[in-house]
Amino acid sequence: MNAGVSKKNFKEGSLTFKAQATFRAATTLEIAAEKPHDIPLHDWIKVNVAEFYNSTVTLTELLTETCTKAKCPEMTAGQEYVYLWAEDEYARNPTAMDAPEYISRLLVWAEKVIQNQDIFPEDDKKPPANFADVCDKLCRRLLRAPMHYYYHHGKELKEIGYEEYLDRLTLRYCIFALRFRLFKTKDRVLPILEVLKAKLPAQYVEMLMQLPDGMVK
């Protein structure tokens, strides 16, 4: 599984560069979610989404030899959830495919969005009016890769010392999304709902459980 994608780093000297450095220096999950007072909210969202993408790329690179077409013939998160691919997720005829191909296409698609200067500007410009919707779609789809890894590659990640990394990237994103009300429904995390209930701080579990169920897409 080799998507051939690049990680997102922001231009040195920009507010987003400063925000990215702050994010990476955080010592706890909750501190990582705290927006610095001098960083606009849209820049903080930009950085959090980009770092979620970067961490997903890291995990995917680590699992290149273990998440294969033979071992993962479907893109699943446990037995109940199967994801079909469509460049536009509302397409009429989404395509069934193996997990590595799905995740490869997902990361290529996400990279195009994140590297698009009209959507993720780096020169401290305001993003477009649909920025929040774009970020919601990015994270909703990106989360499917970690959920697949939780169910089907936890053993391999534990063996190479990256089990905690998977936890950290998932919990960090969920805390951020809950804190800034980016989650509208809890359907997107249903495959790992029990994991989140066990590992999230109590206040975030309460926030998560108060969300409407929604409908998995």
C-alpha atoms as a PDB file:
ATOM      1  CA  MET A   1       0.000   0.000   0.000  1.00  0.00           C
ATOM      2  CA  ASN A   2       1.839   3.083  -1.242  1.00  0.00           C
ATOM      3  CA  ALA A   3      -0.276   6.123  -1.963  1.00  0.00           C
ATOM      4  CA  GLY A   4       2.754   8.240  -2.829  1.00  0.00           C
ATOM      5  CA  VAL A   5       1.414  11.220  -0.891  1.00  0.00           C
ATOM      6  CA  SER A   6       3.227  14.025   0.913  1.00  0.00           C
ATOM      7  CA  LYS A   7       2.613  15.264   4.432  1.00  0.00           C
ATOM      8  CA  LYS A   8       1.361  18.791   5.005  1.00  0.00           C
ATOM      9  CA  ASN A   9       3.724  21.381   6.474  1.00  0.00           C
ATOM     10  CA  PHE A  10       2.859  25.053   6.531  1.00  0.00           C
ATOM     11  CA  LYS A  11       4.981  27.953   5.305  1.00  0.00           C
ATOM     12  CA  GLU A  12       7.530  29.180   7.839  1.00  0.00           C
ATOM     13  CA  GLY A  13       6.587  32.534   9.331  1.00  0.00           C
ATOM     14  CA  SER A  14       2.842  32.115   8.816  1.00  0.00           C
ATOM     15  CA  LEU A  15       0.293  31.867  11.608  1.00  0.00           C
ATOM     16  CA  THR A  16      -0.460  28.313  10.542  1.00  0.00           C
ATOM     17  CA  PHE A  17       3.241  27.428  10.850  1.00  0.00           C
ATOM     18  CA  LYS A  18       3.200  28.813  14.395  1.00  0.00           C
ATOM     19  CA  ALA A  19      -0.011  26.931  15.164  1.00  0.00           C
ATOM     20  CA  GLN A  20       1.429  23.687  13.798  1.00  0.00           C
ATOM     21  CA  ALA A  21       4.513  24.065  16.016  1.00  0.00           C
ATOM     22  CA  THR A  22       2.265  24.689  19.035  1.00  0.00           C
ATOM     23  CA  PHE A  23       0.177  21.623  18.221  1.00  0.00           C
ATOM     24  CA  ARG A  24       3.246  19.397  17.920  1.00  0.00           C
ATOM     25  CA  ALA A  25       4.723  20.654  21.193  1.00  0.00           C
ATOM     26  CA  ALA A  26       1.602  19.853  23.254  1.00  0.00           C
ATOM     27  CA  THR A  27       2.248  17.444  26.109  1.00  0.00           C
ATOM     28  CA  THR A  28      -1.297  16.160  26.641  1.00  0.00           C
ATOM     29  CA  LEU A  29      -4.291  15.441  24.431  1.00  0.00           C
ATOM     30  CA  GLU A  30      -6.404  18.169  25.994  1.00  0.00           C
ATOM     31  CA  ILE A  31      -3.645  20.775  25.774  1.00  0.00           C
ATOM     32  CA  ALA A  32      -3.259  19.874  22.104  1.00  0.00           C
ATOM     33  CA  ALA A  33      -6.904  20.802  21.521  1.00  0.00           C
ATOM     34  CA  GLU A  34      -6.607  24.230  23.157  1.00  0.00           C
ATOM     35  CA  LYS A  35      -6.564  27.020  20.600  1.00  0.00           C
ATOM     36  CA  PRO A  36      -3.811  29.585  21.264  1.00  0.00           C
ATOM     37  CA  HIS A  37      -5.346  33.008  21.888  1.00  0.00           C
ATOM     38  CA  ASP A  38      -3.418  34.610  19.019  1.00  0.00           C
ATOM     39  CA  ILE A  39      -4.387  32.013  16.389  1.00  0.00           C
ATOM     40  CA  PRO A  40      -7.663  32.465  14.435  1.00  0.00           C
ATOM     41  CA  LEU A  41     -10.064  29.548  14.713  1.00  0.00           C
ATOM     42  CA  HIS A  42      -9.921  28.751  10.994  1.00  0.00           C
ATOM     43  CA  ASP A  43      -6.116  28.446  11.179  1.00  0.00           C
ATOM     44  CA  TRP A  44      -6.374  26.183  14.223  1.00  0.00           C
ATOM     45  CA  ILE A  45      -8.867  23.955  12.408  1.00  0.00           C
ATOM     46  CA  LYS A  46      -6.578  23.904   9.362  1.00  0.00           C
ATOM     47  CA  VAL A  47      -3.653  22.705  11.455  1.00  0.00           C
ATOM     48  CA  ASN A  48      -5.623  20.048  13.330  1.00  0.00           C
ATOM     49  CA  VAL A  49      -7.046  18.610  10.118  1.00  0.00           C
ATOM     50  CA  ALA A  50      -3.610  18.635   8.468  1.00  0.00           C
ATOM     51  CA  GLU A  51      -2.005  16.891  11.443  1.00  0.00           C
ATOM     52  CA  PHE A  52      -4.739  14.252  11.483  1.00  0.00           C
ATOM     53  CA  TYR A  53      -3.982  13.619   7.813  1.00  0.00           C
ATOM     54  CA  ASN A  54      -0.199  13.546   8.480  1.00  0.00           C
ATOM     55  CA  SER A  55      -0.592  11.004  11.281  1.00  0.00           C
ATOM     56  CA  THR A  56      -2.841   8.825   9.133  1.00  0.00           C
ATOM     57  CA  VAL A  57      -0.165   8.850   6.414  1.00  0.00           C
ATOM     58  CA  THR A  58       2.434   7.765   8.991  1.00  0.00           C
ATOM     59  CA  LEU A  59       0.344   4.795  10.136  1.00  0.00           C
ATOM     60  CA  THR A  60      -0.433   3.794   6.571  1.00  0.00           C
ATOM     61  CA  GLU A  61       3.261   3.799   5.658  1.00  0.00           C
ATOM     62  CA  LEU A  62       3.998   1.571   8.657  1.00  0.00           C
ATOM     63  CA  LEU A  63       1.378  -0.967   7.570  1.00  0.00           C
ATOM     64  CA  THR A  64       2.369  -1.198   3.906  1.00  0.00           C
ATOM     65  CA  GLU A  65       3.439  -4.835   4.208  1.00  0.00           C
ATOM     66  CA  THR A  66       0.642  -6.000   6.501  1.00  0.00           C
ATOM     67  CA  CYS A  67      -2.459  -4.255   5.143  1.00  0.00           C
ATOM     68  CA  THR A  68      -2.596  -6.052   1.804  1.00  0.00           C
ATOM     69  CA  LYS A  69      -5.237  -7.019  -0.720  1.00  0.00           C
ATOM     70  CA  ALA A  70      -4.963 -10.659   0.361  1.00  0.00           C
ATOM     71  CA  LYS A  71      -5.350  -9.909   4.071  1.00  0.00           C
ATOM     72  CA  CYS A  72      -7.891  -7.092   3.756  1.00  0.00           C
ATOM     73  CA  PRO A  73     -10.042  -7.770   0.658  1.00  0.00           C
ATOM     74  CA  GLU A  74     -12.665  -5.265   1.857  1.00  0.00           C
ATOM     75  CA  MET A  75     -12.444  -1.854   3.482  1.00  0.00           C
ATOM     76  CA  THR A  76     -14.010  -2.687   6.809  1.00  0.00           C
ATOM     77  CA  ALA A  77     -14.006  -1.616  10.444  1.00  0.00           C
ATOM     78  CA  GLY A  78     -15.011  -4.830  12.154  1.00  0.00           C
ATOM     79  CA  GLN A  79     -17.726  -7.090  10.780  1.00  0.00           C
ATOM     80  CA  GLU A  80     -20.552  -4.546  10.697  1.00  0.00           C
ATOM     81  CA  TYR A  81     -19.045  -1.662   8.760  1.00  0.00           C
ATOM     82  CA  VAL A  82     -17.970  -1.856   5.113  1.00  0.00           C
ATOM     83  CA  TYR A  83     -16.919   1.275   3.253  1.00  0.00           C
ATOM     84  CA  LEU A  84     -17.277   1.752  -0.505  1.00  0.00           C
ATOM     85  CA  TRP A  85     -15.181   4.249  -2.431  1.00  0.00           C
ATOM     86  CA  ALA A  86     -16.394   7.218  -4.449  1.00  0.00           C
ATOM     87  CA  GLU A  87     -14.407  10.332  -5.318  1.00  0.00           C
ATOM     88  CA  ASP A  88     -17.607  12.145  -4.439  1.00  0.00           C
ATOM     89  CA  GLU A  89     -19.059  10.320  -1.435  1.00  0.00           C
ATOM     90  CA  TYR A  90     -22.592  11.048  -2.641  1.00  0.00           C
ATOM     91  CA  ALA A  91     -22.038   9.320  -5.986  1.00  0.00           C
ATOM     92  CA  ARG A  92     -24.765   6.897  -7.015  1.00  0.00           C
ATOM     93  CA  ASN A  93     -22.476   3.932  -7.613  1.00  0.00           C
ATOM     94  CA  PRO A  94     -19.673   3.743  -5.039  1.00  0.00           C
ATOM     95  CA  THR A  95     -17.133   0.986  -5.637  1.00  0.00           C
ATOM     96  CA  ALA A  96     -16.215  -1.923  -3.378  1.00  0.00           C
ATOM     97  CA  MET A  97     -12.455  -2.439  -3.118  1.00  0.00           C
ATOM     98  CA  ASP A  98      -9.779  -3.862  -0.868  1.00  0.00           C
ATOM     99  CA  ALA A  99      -8.636  -1.834   2.135  1.00  0.00           C
ATOM    100  CA  PRO A 100      -5.170  -0.824   0.865  1.00  0.00           C
ATOM    101  CA  GLU A 101      -6.602   0.442  -2.423  1.00  0.00           C
ATOM    102  CA  TYR A 102      -9.371   2.325  -0.599  1.00  0.00           C
ATOM    103  CA  ILE A 103      -6.937   3.951   1.824  1.00  0.00           C
ATOM    104  CA  SER A 104      -4.508   4.794  -0.977  1.00  0.00           C
ATOM    105  CA  ARG A 105      -7.253   6.559  -2.932  1.00  0.00           C
ATOM    106  CA  LEU A 106      -8.475   8.238   0.238  1.00  0.00           C
ATOM    107  CA  LEU A 107      -5.053   9.712   1.006  1.00  0.00           C
ATOM    108  CA  VAL A 108      -4.489  10.865  -2.577  1.00  0.00           C
ATOM    109  CA  TRP A 109      -7.889  12.579  -2.517  1.00  0.00           C
ATOM    110  CA  ALA A 110      -7.194  14.138   0.904  1.00  0.00           C
ATOM    111  CA  GLU A 111      -3.771  15.385  -0.195  1.00  0.00           C
ATOM    112  CA  LYS A 112      -5.308  17.172  -3.189  1.00  0.00           C
ATOM    113  CA  VAL A 113      -7.747  18.960  -0.899  1.00  0.00           C
ATOM    114  CA  ILE A 114      -5.201  19.870   1.793  1.00  0.00           C
ATOM    115  CA  GLN A 115      -2.576  21.085  -0.692  1.00  0.00           C
ATOM    116  CA  ASN A 116      -5.152  23.214  -2.538  1.00  0.00           C
ATOM    117  CA  GLN A 117      -4.271  26.833  -1.742  1.00  0.00           C
ATOM    118  CA  ASP A 118      -7.818  27.968  -2.456  1.00  0.00           C
ATOM    119  CA  ILE A 119      -9.070  25.744   0.375  1.00  0.00           C
ATOM    120  CA  PHE A 120      -6.059  25.602   2.725  1.00  0.00           C
ATOM    121  CA  PRO A 121      -4.303  28.958   2.101  1.00  0.00           C
ATOM    122  CA  GLU A 122      -0.916  29.350   3.776  1.00  0.00           C
ATOM    123  CA  ASP A 123      -0.435  33.119   3.656  1.00  0.00           C
ATOM    124  CA  ASP A 124      -2.714  33.894   6.592  1.00  0.00           C
ATOM    125  CA  LYS A 125      -5.622  34.369   4.232  1.00  0.00           C
ATOM    126  CA  LYS A 126      -9.139  33.447   5.221  1.00  0.00           C
ATOM    127  CA  PRO A 127     -10.368  30.129   3.800  1.00  0.00           C
ATOM    128  CA  PRO A 128     -13.466  29.863   1.576  1.00  0.00           C
ATOM    129  CA  ALA A 129     -17.014  29.997   2.904  1.00  0.00           C
ATOM    130  CA  ASN A 130     -17.397  26.208   2.634  1.00  0.00           C
ATOM    131  CA  PHE A 131     -14.205  25.553   4.629  1.00  0.00           C
ATOM    132  CA  ALA A 132     -15.981  23.986   7.615  1.00  0.00           C
ATOM    133  CA  ASP A 133     -17.914  21.597   5.370  1.00  0.00           C
ATOM    134  CA  VAL A 134     -14.734  20.602   3.520  1.00  0.00           C
ATOM    135  CA  CYS A 135     -12.930  19.876   6.804  1.00  0.00           C
ATOM    136  CA  ASP A 136     -15.895  17.900   8.094  1.00  0.00           C
ATOM    137  CA  LYS A 137     -15.869  15.728   4.973  1.00  0.00           C
ATOM    138  CA  LEU A 138     -12.077  15.287   5.133  1.00  0.00           C
ATOM    139  CA  CYS A 139     -12.077  14.110   8.716  1.00  0.00           C
ATOM    140  CA  ARG A 140     -15.187  11.968   8.386  1.00  0.00           C
ATOM    141  CA  ARG A 141     -13.516  10.011   5.604  1.00  0.00           C
ATOM    142  CA  LEU A 142      -9.965  10.021   7.004  1.00  0.00           C
ATOM    143  CA  LEU A 143     -11.202   8.533  10.269  1.00  0.00           C
ATOM    144  CA  ARG A 144     -12.090   5.333   8.412  1.00  0.00           C
ATOM    145  CA  ALA A 145      -8.403   4.433   8.067  1.00  0.00           C
ATOM    146  CA  PRO A 146      -7.644   4.478  11.824  1.00  0.00           C
ATOM    147  CA  MET A 147     -10.898   2.615  12.486  1.00  0.00           C
ATOM    148  CA  HIS A 148      -9.797  -0.095  10.041  1.00  0.00           C
ATOM    149  CA  TYR A 149      -6.421  -0.256  11.782  1.00  0.00           C
ATOM    150  CA  TYR A 150      -8.035  -0.596  15.217  1.00  0.00           C
ATOM    151  CA  TYR A 151      -9.946  -3.685  14.167  1.00  0.00           C
ATOM    152  CA  HIS A 152      -7.591  -5.380  11.753  1.00  0.00           C
ATOM    153  CA  HIS A 153      -4.023  -4.253  12.500  1.00  0.00           C
ATOM    154  CA  GLY A 154      -3.896  -3.640  16.229  1.00  0.00           C
ATOM    155  CA  LYS A 155      -1.592  -6.619  16.758  1.00  0.00           C
ATOM    156  CA  GLU A 156       0.932  -5.439  14.163  1.00  0.00           C
ATOM    157  CA  LEU A 157       0.942  -1.908  15.556  1.00  0.00           C
ATOM    158  CA  LYS A 158       1.478  -3.230  19.074  1.00  0.00           C
ATOM    159  CA  GLU A 159       4.410  -5.344  17.890  1.00  0.00           C
ATOM    160  CA  ILE A 160       6.197  -2.314  16.426  1.00  0.00           C
ATOM    161  CA  GLY A 161       5.319  -0.008  19.315  1.00  0.00           C
ATOM    162  CA  TYR A 162       2.707   2.117  17.546  1.00  0.00           C
ATOM    163  CA  GLU A 163      -0.461   1.017  19.333  1.00  0.00           C
ATOM    164  CA  GLU A 164      -0.301   4.141  21.494  1.00  0.00           C
ATOM    165  CA  TYR A 165       0.284   6.280  18.407  1.00  0.00           C
ATOM    166  CA  LEU A 166      -3.008   5.054  16.941  1.00  0.00           C
ATOM    167  CA  ASP A 167      -4.786   5.841  20.204  1.00  0.00           C
ATOM    168  CA  ARG A 168      -3.213   9.260  20.417  1.00  0.00           C
ATOM    169  CA  LEU A 169      -4.066  10.409  16.911  1.00  0.00           C
ATOM    170  CA  THR A 170      -7.665   9.176  17.211  1.00  0.00           C
ATOM    171  CA  LEU A 171      -8.332  10.561  20.679  1.00  0.00           C
ATOM    172  CA  ARG A 172      -6.614  13.858  19.894  1.00  0.00           C
ATOM    173  CA  TYR A 173      -8.776  14.370  16.837  1.00  0.00           C
ATOM    174  CA  CYS A 174     -11.995  13.390  18.637  1.00  0.00           C
ATOM    175  CA  ILE A 175     -11.274  15.736  21.556  1.00  0.00           C
ATOM    176  CA  PHE A 176     -10.622  18.557  19.112  1.00  0.00           C
ATOM    177  CA  ALA A 177     -13.759  17.815  17.070  1.00  0.00           C
ATOM    178  CA  LEU A 178     -15.955  17.616  20.162  1.00  0.00           C
ATOM    179  CA  ARG A 179     -14.447  20.695  21.742  1.00  0.00           C
ATOM    180  CA  PHE A 180     -15.068  22.844  18.676  1.00  0.00           C
ATOM    181  CA  ARG A 181     -18.408  21.205  17.837  1.00  0.00           C
ATOM    182  CA  LEU A 182     -17.273  19.735  14.539  1.00  0.00           C
ATOM    183  CA  PHE A 183     -19.109  16.480  15.257  1.00  0.00           C
ATOM    184  CA  LYS A 184     -22.777  16.843  14.369  1.00  0.00           C
ATOM    185  CA  THR A 185     -23.675  13.181  14.943  1.00  0.00           C
ATOM    186  CA  LYS A 186     -21.907  10.195  16.445  1.00  0.00           C
ATOM    187  CA  ASP A 187     -22.428   7.902  13.461  1.00  0.00           C
ATOM    188  CA  ARG A 188     -18.923   8.538  12.126  1.00  0.00           C
ATOM    189  CA  VAL A 189     -17.292   6.912  15.167  1.00  0.00           C
ATOM    190  CA  LEU A 190     -19.724   4.028  15.723  1.00  0.00           C
ATOM    191  CA  PRO A 191     -17.135   1.320  14.896  1.00  0.00           C
ATOM    192  CA  ILE A 192     -14.888   2.574  17.717  1.00  0.00           C
ATOM    193  CA  LEU A 193     -17.535   4.027  20.012  1.00  0.00           C
ATOM    194  CA  GLU A 194     -16.689   1.621  22.839  1.00  0.00           C
ATOM    195  CA  VAL A 195     -12.981   2.444  22.501  1.00  0.00           C
ATOM    196  CA  LEU A 196     -13.748   6.138  22.792  1.00  0.00           C
ATOM    197  CA  LYS A 197     -16.057   5.629  25.767  1.00  0.00           C
ATOM    198  CA  ALA A 198     -13.264   3.749  27.530  1.00  0.00           C
ATOM    199  CA  LYS A 199     -10.380   6.085  26.676  1.00  0.00           C
ATOM    200  CA  LEU A 200     -11.720   9.623  26.282  1.00  0.00           C
ATOM    201  CA  PRO A 201     -11.846  11.900  29.342  1.00  0.00           C
ATOM    202  CA  ALA A 202     -15.298  11.750  30.953  1.00  0.00           C
ATOM    203  CA  GLN A 203     -16.398  15.217  29.823  1.00  0.00           C
ATOM    204  CA  TYR A 204     -15.797  14.292  26.179  1.00  0.00           C
ATOM    205  CA  VAL A 205     -17.581  10.963  26.512  1.00  0.00           C
ATOM    206  CA  GLU A 206     -20.583  12.895  27.819  1.00  0.00           C
ATOM    207  CA  MET A 207     -20.391  15.328  24.890  1.00  0.00           C
ATOM    208  CA  LEU A 208     -20.133  12.444  22.425  1.00  0.00           C
ATOM    209  CA  MET A 209     -23.070  10.529  23.861  1.00  0.00           C
ATOM    210  CA  GLN A 210     -25.288  13.619  23.747  1.00  0.00           C
ATOM    211  CA  LEU A 211     -24.925  13.818  19.964  1.00  0.00           C
ATOM    212  CA  PRO A 212     -27.745  12.434  17.798  1.00  0.00           C
ATOM    213  CA  ASP A 213     -27.105   9.060  16.194  1.00  0.00           C
ATOM    214  CA  GLY A 214     -27.173  10.265  12.600  1.00  0.00           C
ATOM    215  CA  MET A 215     -26.859   7.947   9.634  1.00  0.00           C
ATOM    216  CA  VAL A 216     -23.626   6.283   8.556  1.00  0.00           C
ATOM    217  CA  LYS A 217     -22.493   7.357   5.057  1.00  0.00           C
END
